[in-house]
Amino acid sequence: MDQPRHPRGTGTGGQFAAVSHSESGITLGKTSQWPALEYEERPWNADPDHSLSRRSRLLARGPYEAAVPPEIAELEPVVDSRTQALAEAATVEMVRFDTDMGHDPLPFSALLLRSESASSSQIENLTAGARRIALARLGDTSSSNAALVASNVRAMQAAVHFSEDLSVKNIALMHHALLNGSNQSIAGQYRDTQVWIRGNSPHTAEFVPPHHDRVPKAMDDLVAFMRRDDIPVLTQAAIAHAQFETIHPFADGNGRTGRAIVSSLLKAKEVTRKVTVPVSSGLLTDTRSYFDALDAYREGDVAPIVERFAESSVLAVDNGRRLAQDIRAVKDSYAERAADAPTSVRRILELLPGEPAVTADMLAEYAGLSTATSYRAIERLQEAGILAPAGKIKGTSIWVAPDILAALDAFADRAGRRSRA
């Protein structure tokens, strides 16, 4: 039996030690005393883009200003009592959710990890249906968006794997898992050029992250902050995410990597043990508020980003529970439709919630069947309406579980009902 759950902190050397704490570690009734970004002038020597208008070319001349993020390793975050209460309640909800889902025999760990990956990608406008994503995980390349979402699943798996040692090196490995399939030249590589957010140059950009020569020191400082054990977990995760997005240490993929780090921190501090809370699905419901909170953080106010993550965590737990209900209903339906099927066929049903797109070889390996028996089982499941053919990938026949895919799409639809200011 699992022991009572208390979020843990970090010990020395990146290993997380069993040190309990609660949200009461935050000072009450005060606004945040967090340093705002400073800026420094940097020279700009790039040749003008002649495809731009004359006015745009003139604006893209001369020095520009890049952000200088504060060192946060030893800072103490301060939020008001309302935000503190929200963060504490959200943490409790996530612990309960993890306990409930972790004790369920259904493979909710795989389902929720995929759901988090899809939601995080959707924040970046990388949208694909559950069927496309499932096929992409088996090697289908017909949808570039689905392939990118599938790579985000690998990044999330890496984040969970490296949760016991959140280091600069392991964050790079998360990024490598994310982009290795789509952009090998930058996968896992901290940037060595200036980047900016929107605009034709850093002069007209919406935000200019730190110059690349500041990235190594800033990342060391961030990791030191994440390794502390004296900050409430959700507050620490929200601030670490905002600082990571401000540093913007990679040329691409920062948003998805930064949200993977949140899941890694939640597991490292034992808020989660068995499953991934799909926090990005909660952020997705109101992306404008999420981006505004990041802006507020850069101006020296940590409360909005902590509040947004607290609210998003509660929404994610609610959506995750609804997904679990839908999957259980599908399981009950499977049991009815395959009640008189052989044991070998019923055994296959246990795989489908976690692997809604399968090959005959996958089923044979999972259930310990011969290839011939696997094909007969697939035929039986097709007759019952549990599996449906989905064509071929690289010459291999694929089948999908439509009811599982429908439940995953319903989860995404609920998360995607976002409000925009």
Protein backbone atom coordinates (compact mmCIF):
# COMPACT_ATOMS: atom_id res chain seq x y z
CA MET A 1 0.00 0.00 0.00
CA ASP A 2 1.26 3.47 -0.85
CA GLN A 3 2.30 5.69 2.02
CA PRO A 4 0.64 9.11 2.63
CA ARG A 5 1.76 11.56 -0.01
CA HIS A 6 3.73 14.73 0.63
CA PRO A 7 5.48 16.70 -2.12
CA ARG A 8 9.23 16.40 -1.86
CA GLY A 9 12.00 18.86 -2.53
CA THR A 10 15.48 18.58 -3.93
CA GLY A 11 18.68 17.61 -2.29
CA THR A 12 22.24 18.25 -3.32
CA GLY A 13 23.61 17.13 -6.62
CA GLY A 14 20.22 17.22 -8.33
CA GLN A 15 18.86 14.25 -6.35
CA PHE A 16 15.50 14.83 -4.71
CA ALA A 17 15.45 14.24 -0.97
CA ALA A 18 12.44 13.44 1.22
CA VAL A 19 11.86 16.87 2.69
CA SER A 20 8.17 17.70 3.16
CA HIS A 21 6.79 21.16 2.82
CA SER A 22 3.48 22.86 2.11
CA GLU A 23 2.25 26.05 0.55
CA SER A 24 2.56 27.75 3.95
CA GLY A 25 6.16 28.50 3.02
CA ILE A 26 4.98 31.53 1.05
CA THR A 27 4.57 34.90 2.71
CA LEU A 28 0.96 36.02 3.00
CA GLY A 29 -0.78 39.23 2.08
CA LYS A 30 1.97 40.80 -0.03
CA THR A 31 2.47 41.39 -3.70
CA SER A 32 5.41 39.77 -5.43
CA GLN A 33 8.84 41.31 -4.87
CA TRP A 34 10.37 39.67 -7.89
CA PRO A 35 12.90 41.56 -10.03
CA ALA A 36 11.72 42.64 -13.44
CA LEU A 37 13.77 42.04 -16.54
CA GLU A 38 16.50 44.47 -17.38
CA TYR A 39 17.72 45.11 -20.93
CA GLU A 40 21.07 45.64 -22.53
CA GLU A 41 22.08 47.14 -25.85
CA ARG A 42 23.60 44.77 -28.39
CA PRO A 43 25.06 45.51 -31.82
CA TRP A 44 23.20 44.35 -34.93
CA ASN A 45 25.29 43.64 -37.99
CA ALA A 46 22.99 41.47 -40.07
CA ASP A 47 22.38 42.39 -43.69
CA PRO A 48 18.91 43.84 -44.34
CA ASP A 49 16.22 41.56 -45.76
CA HIS A 50 15.56 43.09 -49.18
CA SER A 51 12.14 41.43 -49.37
CA LEU A 52 10.97 43.85 -46.68
CA SER A 53 9.69 47.35 -47.26
CA ARG A 54 12.10 50.28 -47.08
CA ARG A 55 10.57 51.35 -43.76
CA SER A 56 11.03 47.85 -42.28
CA ARG A 57 14.64 47.77 -43.44
CA LEU A 58 15.29 51.13 -41.78
CA LEU A 59 13.73 49.89 -38.53
CA ALA A 60 16.02 46.85 -38.55
CA ARG A 61 19.23 48.87 -38.39
CA GLY A 62 21.55 49.69 -35.54
CA PRO A 63 21.76 48.31 -31.99
CA TYR A 64 18.85 46.49 -30.36
CA GLU A 65 17.95 45.68 -26.75
CA ALA A 66 17.99 42.10 -25.42
CA ALA A 67 16.54 40.95 -22.12
CA VAL A 68 18.78 40.31 -19.12
CA PRO A 69 16.97 37.85 -16.84
CA PRO A 70 17.49 38.11 -13.08
CA GLU A 71 19.37 35.40 -11.22
CA ILE A 72 16.68 33.53 -9.27
CA ALA A 73 18.53 30.63 -7.63
CA GLU A 74 18.33 32.20 -4.16
CA LEU A 75 15.28 34.44 -4.50
CA GLU A 76 12.18 33.97 -2.35
CA PRO A 77 8.87 34.09 -4.25
CA VAL A 78 6.06 36.01 -2.55
CA VAL A 79 2.41 35.71 -3.57
CA ASP A 80 -0.84 36.88 -2.00
CA SER A 81 -2.92 34.60 0.23
CA ARG A 82 -5.54 33.93 -2.46
CA THR A 83 -2.95 32.69 -4.95
CA GLN A 84 -1.32 30.65 -2.22
CA ALA A 85 -4.63 28.96 -1.41
CA LEU A 86 -5.27 28.19 -5.09
CA ALA A 87 -1.82 26.64 -5.48
CA GLU A 88 -2.22 24.53 -2.36
CA ALA A 89 -5.67 23.28 -3.38
CA ALA A 90 -4.42 22.46 -6.89
CA THR A 91 -1.48 20.51 -5.48
CA VAL A 92 -3.81 18.44 -3.31
CA GLU A 93 -6.05 17.74 -6.31
CA MET A 94 -3.08 16.55 -8.39
CA VAL A 95 -1.90 14.21 -5.63
CA ARG A 96 -5.38 12.70 -5.35
CA PHE A 97 -5.66 12.35 -9.10
CA ASP A 98 -2.30 10.61 -9.35
CA THR A 99 -3.26 8.21 -6.56
CA ASP A 100 -6.64 7.38 -8.10
CA MET A 101 -5.33 6.92 -11.64
CA GLY A 102 -2.23 5.07 -10.47
CA HIS A 103 -4.29 2.41 -8.74
CA ASP A 104 -6.53 1.84 -11.76
CA PRO A 105 -5.68 -1.26 -13.82
CA LEU A 106 -6.24 0.63 -17.06
CA PRO A 107 -3.10 2.19 -18.65
CA PHE A 108 -3.93 5.78 -17.79
CA SER A 109 -0.26 6.70 -17.54
CA ALA A 110 0.22 6.32 -21.31
CA LEU A 111 -3.11 7.98 -22.11
CA LEU A 112 -2.49 11.03 -19.95
CA LEU A 113 1.08 11.46 -21.14
CA ARG A 114 -0.14 11.50 -24.74
CA SER A 115 -2.92 13.91 -23.82
CA GLU A 116 -0.44 16.30 -22.19
CA SER A 117 1.82 16.08 -25.24
CA ALA A 118 -1.03 16.84 -27.62
CA SER A 119 -2.29 19.77 -25.51
CA SER A 120 1.18 21.28 -25.16
CA SER A 121 1.64 21.04 -28.92
CA GLN A 122 -1.76 22.61 -29.53
CA ILE A 123 -0.69 25.68 -27.55
CA GLU A 124 1.90 26.10 -30.32
CA ASN A 125 -0.88 25.68 -32.93
CA LEU A 126 0.32 22.15 -33.74
CA THR A 127 -3.05 20.44 -33.94
CA ALA A 128 -3.79 16.87 -35.00
CA GLY A 129 -6.53 14.37 -34.24
CA ALA A 130 -5.98 11.31 -32.06
CA ARG A 131 -6.04 8.98 -35.08
CA ARG A 132 -3.33 10.93 -36.90
CA ILE A 133 -1.17 11.06 -33.77
CA ALA A 134 -1.55 7.34 -33.14
CA LEU A 135 -0.57 6.54 -36.72
CA ALA A 136 2.38 8.95 -36.54
CA ARG A 137 3.70 7.03 -33.55
CA LEU A 138 3.85 3.97 -35.81
CA GLY A 139 5.83 5.84 -38.47
CA ASP A 140 3.18 7.53 -40.61
CA THR A 141 4.55 10.77 -42.08
CA SER A 142 1.49 12.00 -43.96
CA SER A 143 0.74 14.66 -41.31
CA SER A 144 3.64 16.89 -40.28
CA ASN A 145 1.69 18.21 -37.29
CA ALA A 146 0.93 14.69 -36.06
CA ALA A 147 4.59 13.75 -36.42
CA LEU A 148 5.58 16.77 -34.29
CA VAL A 149 3.02 15.86 -31.63
CA ALA A 150 4.34 12.29 -31.63
CA SER A 151 7.84 13.65 -31.05
CA ASN A 152 6.47 15.63 -28.11
CA VAL A 153 5.35 12.34 -26.59
CA ARG A 154 8.99 11.24 -26.71
CA ALA A 155 10.05 14.51 -25.08
CA MET A 156 7.51 13.96 -22.30
CA GLN A 157 8.78 10.43 -21.77
CA ALA A 158 12.30 11.85 -21.50
CA ALA A 159 11.08 14.46 -19.02
CA VAL A 160 9.61 11.76 -16.78
CA HIS A 161 12.74 9.66 -17.13
CA PHE A 162 15.06 12.51 -16.15
CA SER A 163 12.90 13.82 -13.31
CA GLU A 164 15.29 12.51 -10.66
CA ASP A 165 18.11 14.65 -12.04
CA LEU A 166 16.98 17.90 -13.58
CA SER A 167 20.24 19.17 -15.00
CA VAL A 168 21.24 21.43 -17.88
CA LYS A 169 22.42 18.33 -19.76
CA ASN A 170 19.18 16.41 -19.23
CA ILE A 171 17.03 19.36 -20.29
CA ALA A 172 19.00 19.32 -23.53
CA LEU A 173 18.23 15.62 -23.87
CA MET A 174 14.50 16.36 -23.48
CA HIS A 175 14.83 18.88 -26.28
CA HIS A 176 16.72 16.35 -28.39
CA ALA A 177 13.85 13.87 -28.00
CA LEU A 178 11.45 16.60 -29.12
CA LEU A 179 13.23 17.81 -32.25
CA ASN A 180 15.48 14.98 -33.38
CA GLY A 181 12.88 13.78 -35.86
CA SER A 182 12.15 17.19 -37.39
CA ASN A 183 15.26 19.35 -37.00
CA GLN A 184 18.38 17.38 -36.13
CA SER A 185 20.70 20.35 -36.59
CA ILE A 186 19.36 22.08 -33.46
CA ALA A 187 17.98 19.13 -31.48
CA GLY A 188 19.47 19.17 -27.99
CA GLN A 189 21.68 22.15 -28.80
CA TYR A 190 21.52 25.33 -26.77
CA ARG A 191 21.32 28.24 -29.16
CA ASP A 192 24.37 30.15 -30.38
CA THR A 193 22.50 33.00 -32.07
CA GLN A 194 20.13 35.74 -31.03
CA VAL A 195 16.44 34.88 -31.35
CA TRP A 196 13.31 36.97 -30.96
CA ILE A 197 9.57 36.48 -30.66
CA ARG A 198 7.60 37.78 -33.65
CA GLY A 199 8.71 40.69 -35.78
CA ASN A 200 11.15 40.92 -38.70
CA SER A 201 14.15 41.70 -36.49
CA PRO A 202 14.96 42.16 -32.80
CA HIS A 203 14.22 45.85 -33.28
CA THR A 204 10.53 45.24 -33.98
CA ALA A 205 10.07 42.01 -32.01
CA GLU A 206 7.43 41.46 -29.35
CA PHE A 207 10.09 40.06 -27.03
CA VAL A 208 13.86 39.62 -27.37
CA PRO A 209 15.27 36.88 -25.10
CA PRO A 210 18.77 37.14 -23.65
CA HIS A 211 21.75 37.20 -25.96
CA HIS A 212 23.01 33.67 -26.49
CA ASP A 213 26.20 34.24 -24.51
CA ARG A 214 24.03 34.64 -21.39
CA VAL A 215 22.20 31.31 -21.86
CA PRO A 216 24.68 28.93 -20.14
CA LYS A 217 24.87 30.94 -16.91
CA ALA A 218 21.12 31.56 -16.91
CA MET A 219 20.38 27.85 -17.29
CA ASP A 220 22.76 26.95 -14.46
CA ASP A 221 20.94 29.46 -12.28
CA LEU A 222 17.54 28.06 -13.27
CA VAL A 223 18.57 24.48 -12.48
CA ALA A 224 19.82 25.62 -9.07
CA PHE A 225 16.38 27.17 -8.44
CA MET A 226 14.61 23.94 -9.47
CA ARG A 227 16.79 21.88 -7.13
CA ARG A 228 15.69 23.80 -4.04
CA ASP A 229 13.47 22.10 -1.49
CA ASP A 230 12.13 25.17 0.34
CA ILE A 231 9.60 26.40 -2.22
CA PRO A 232 6.05 25.02 -2.63
CA VAL A 233 6.02 22.73 -5.62
CA LEU A 234 3.45 24.35 -7.91
CA THR A 235 4.86 27.81 -7.23
CA GLN A 236 8.33 26.53 -8.03
CA ALA A 237 7.16 24.78 -11.22
CA ALA A 238 5.29 27.85 -12.49
CA ILE A 239 8.23 30.19 -11.86
CA ALA A 240 10.74 27.74 -13.32
CA HIS A 241 8.61 27.48 -16.45
CA ALA A 242 8.32 31.26 -16.79
CA GLN A 243 12.06 31.73 -16.28
CA PHE A 244 12.81 29.01 -18.86
CA GLU A 245 10.52 30.67 -21.42
CA THR A 246 12.21 33.99 -20.70
CA ILE A 247 15.69 32.54 -21.22
CA HIS A 248 14.41 30.83 -24.39
CA PRO A 249 17.55 28.68 -24.48
CA PHE A 250 16.85 26.82 -27.73
CA ALA A 251 16.36 28.04 -31.27
CA ASP A 252 12.96 26.29 -31.41
CA GLY A 253 10.78 24.06 -29.23
CA ASN A 254 11.08 26.14 -26.06
CA GLY A 255 7.38 26.15 -25.21
CA ARG A 256 6.96 22.39 -25.44
CA THR A 257 10.23 21.71 -23.62
CA GLY A 258 9.34 24.22 -20.92
CA ARG A 259 5.98 22.59 -20.28
CA ALA A 260 7.65 19.16 -20.19
CA ILE A 261 9.91 20.52 -17.45
CA VAL A 262 6.79 21.28 -15.38
CA SER A 263 5.74 17.62 -15.56
CA SER A 264 9.28 16.59 -14.70
CA LEU A 265 9.30 18.83 -11.61
CA LEU A 266 5.91 17.56 -10.43
CA LYS A 267 7.20 14.01 -10.58
CA ALA A 268 10.54 14.90 -9.02
CA LYS A 269 8.76 16.44 -6.03
CA GLU A 270 6.35 13.47 -5.82
CA VAL A 271 3.20 15.40 -6.53
CA THR A 272 2.85 12.73 -9.20
CA ARG A 273 4.24 9.22 -9.07
CA LYS A 274 2.20 7.12 -11.48
CA VAL A 275 0.72 9.42 -14.13
CA THR A 276 1.28 12.73 -15.88
CA VAL A 277 -1.20 15.46 -15.00
CA PRO A 278 -2.05 17.07 -18.38
CA VAL A 279 -1.52 20.62 -17.12
CA SER A 280 -1.19 21.94 -20.68
CA SER A 281 -4.81 20.98 -21.33
CA GLY A 282 -5.76 23.48 -18.65
CA LEU A 283 -3.46 26.17 -20.05
CA LEU A 284 -5.03 25.57 -23.45
CA THR A 285 -8.45 26.67 -22.23
CA ASP A 286 -7.24 30.27 -22.02
CA THR A 287 -3.97 30.80 -23.83
CA ARG A 288 -4.26 34.58 -23.73
CA SER A 289 -4.23 34.51 -19.93
CA TYR A 290 -1.24 32.16 -20.02
CA PHE A 291 0.79 34.44 -22.28
CA ASP A 292 -0.26 37.50 -20.28
CA ALA A 293 0.99 35.77 -17.12
CA LEU A 294 4.36 35.19 -18.75
CA ASP A 295 4.50 38.90 -19.59
CA ALA A 296 3.63 39.80 -16.00
CA TYR A 297 6.42 37.55 -14.74
CA ARG A 298 8.91 39.43 -16.90
CA GLU A 299 7.66 42.66 -15.34
CA GLY A 300 8.33 41.36 -11.83
CA ASP A 301 5.03 39.80 -10.76
CA VAL A 302 5.02 36.03 -10.13
CA ALA A 303 1.43 35.76 -8.88
CA PRO A 304 -0.32 35.57 -12.30
CA ILE A 305 1.77 32.65 -13.58
CA VAL A 306 1.34 30.76 -10.29
CA GLU A 307 -2.40 31.42 -10.40
CA ARG A 308 -2.64 30.33 -14.04
CA PHE A 309 -0.84 27.06 -13.35
CA ALA A 310 -3.00 26.42 -10.28
CA GLU A 311 -6.21 26.99 -12.22
CA SER A 312 -4.93 24.94 -15.15
CA SER A 313 -3.98 22.04 -12.91
CA VAL A 314 -7.50 21.84 -11.49
CA LEU A 315 -9.01 22.01 -14.99
CA ALA A 316 -6.58 19.31 -16.14
CA VAL A 317 -7.54 17.00 -13.29
CA ASP A 318 -11.23 17.45 -14.10
CA ASN A 319 -10.67 16.77 -17.79
CA GLY A 320 -8.45 13.79 -16.96
CA ARG A 321 -11.14 12.28 -14.76
CA ARG A 322 -13.67 12.67 -17.57
CA LEU A 323 -11.26 10.93 -19.93
CA ALA A 324 -10.93 8.11 -17.41
CA GLN A 325 -14.72 7.76 -17.26
CA ASP A 326 -14.91 7.59 -21.04
CA ILE A 327 -12.17 4.96 -21.25
CA ARG A 328 -13.86 2.84 -18.56
CA ALA A 329 -17.10 3.03 -20.51
CA VAL A 330 -15.27 1.84 -23.63
CA LYS A 331 -13.73 -1.01 -21.63
CA ASP A 332 -17.20 -2.10 -20.43
CA SER A 333 -18.45 -1.96 -24.01
CA TYR A 334 -15.52 -4.09 -25.14
CA ALA A 335 -16.31 -6.67 -22.47
CA GLU A 336 -19.89 -6.97 -23.74
CA ARG A 337 -18.95 -7.16 -27.40
CA ALA A 338 -16.22 -9.75 -26.83
CA ALA A 339 -17.90 -11.72 -24.02
CA ASP A 340 -17.78 -15.01 -25.91
CA ALA A 341 -14.35 -14.45 -27.50
CA PRO A 342 -11.36 -16.67 -26.66
CA THR A 343 -9.04 -15.63 -23.85
CA SER A 344 -6.37 -14.65 -26.35
CA VAL A 345 -8.72 -12.12 -27.94
CA ARG A 346 -9.84 -10.65 -24.61
CA ARG A 347 -6.21 -10.26 -23.58
CA ILE A 348 -5.63 -7.97 -26.56
CA LEU A 349 -8.34 -5.63 -25.29
CA GLU A 350 -6.07 -4.68 -22.38
CA LEU A 351 -3.52 -3.17 -24.81
CA LEU A 352 -5.86 -0.95 -26.82
CA PRO A 353 -6.43 1.92 -24.33
CA GLY A 354 -2.68 2.58 -24.25
CA GLU A 355 -2.03 1.69 -27.91
CA PRO A 356 -5.06 2.67 -30.02
CA ALA A 357 -3.20 1.96 -33.27
CA VAL A 358 -1.69 -1.50 -33.61
CA THR A 359 -0.14 -4.02 -35.97
CA ALA A 360 -0.57 -7.79 -35.93
CA ASP A 361 2.99 -8.17 -34.68
CA MET A 362 2.33 -5.78 -31.78
CA LEU A 363 -0.69 -7.82 -30.71
CA ALA A 364 1.18 -11.09 -31.09
CA GLU A 365 4.06 -9.87 -28.93
CA TYR A 366 1.77 -8.38 -26.27
CA ALA A 367 -0.54 -11.38 -25.93
CA GLY A 368 2.04 -14.10 -26.62
CA LEU A 369 0.31 -15.28 -29.79
CA SER A 370 1.49 -16.67 -33.08
CA THR A 371 1.17 -14.34 -36.05
CA ALA A 372 -1.64 -16.46 -37.49
CA THR A 373 -3.56 -16.38 -34.20
CA SER A 374 -3.03 -12.63 -34.02
CA TYR A 375 -4.64 -12.11 -37.43
CA ARG A 376 -7.60 -14.32 -36.42
CA ALA A 377 -8.01 -12.25 -33.26
CA ILE A 378 -7.97 -9.03 -35.30
CA GLU A 379 -10.68 -10.44 -37.57
CA ARG A 380 -12.81 -11.25 -34.52
CA LEU A 381 -12.30 -7.77 -33.09
CA GLN A 382 -13.21 -6.20 -36.43
CA GLU A 383 -16.46 -8.18 -36.49
CA ALA A 384 -17.22 -6.84 -33.00
CA GLY A 385 -16.55 -3.26 -34.11
CA ILE A 386 -13.64 -2.90 -31.69
CA LEU A 387 -10.91 -2.56 -34.33
CA ALA A 388 -11.06 -0.96 -37.77
CA PRO A 389 -8.52 -1.14 -40.62
CA ALA A 390 -6.42 2.00 -41.09
CA GLY A 391 -4.40 1.18 -44.19
CA LYS A 392 -0.69 0.47 -44.26
CA ILE A 393 2.46 2.20 -43.04
CA LYS A 394 5.62 1.19 -44.87
CA GLY A 395 3.88 -1.94 -46.10
CA THR A 396 2.57 -3.01 -42.68
CA SER A 397 -1.19 -3.21 -42.08
CA ILE A 398 -2.52 -1.04 -39.26
CA TRP A 399 -5.72 -1.25 -37.22
CA VAL A 400 -7.15 1.39 -34.89
CA ALA A 401 -9.55 1.34 -31.94
CA PRO A 402 -12.15 4.01 -32.93
CA ASP A 403 -13.81 4.22 -29.49
CA ILE A 404 -10.50 4.94 -27.74
CA LEU A 405 -9.61 7.55 -30.36
CA ALA A 406 -13.03 9.19 -29.91
CA ALA A 407 -12.42 9.48 -26.15
CA LEU A 408 -9.03 11.10 -26.76
CA ASP A 409 -10.54 13.53 -29.25
CA ALA A 410 -13.26 14.41 -26.75
CA PHE A 411 -10.55 15.21 -24.18
CA ALA A 412 -8.82 17.47 -26.71
CA ASP A 413 -12.10 19.17 -27.63
CA ARG A 414 -12.80 20.02 -24.00
CA ALA A 415 -9.30 21.44 -23.58
CA GLY A 416 -9.50 23.33 -26.86
CA ARG A 417 -12.61 25.26 -25.94
CA ARG A 418 -10.38 28.19 -25.17
CA SER A 419 -11.38 31.75 -24.49
CA ARG A 420 -9.54 34.56 -26.19
CA ALA A 421 -9.37 38.12 -24.99
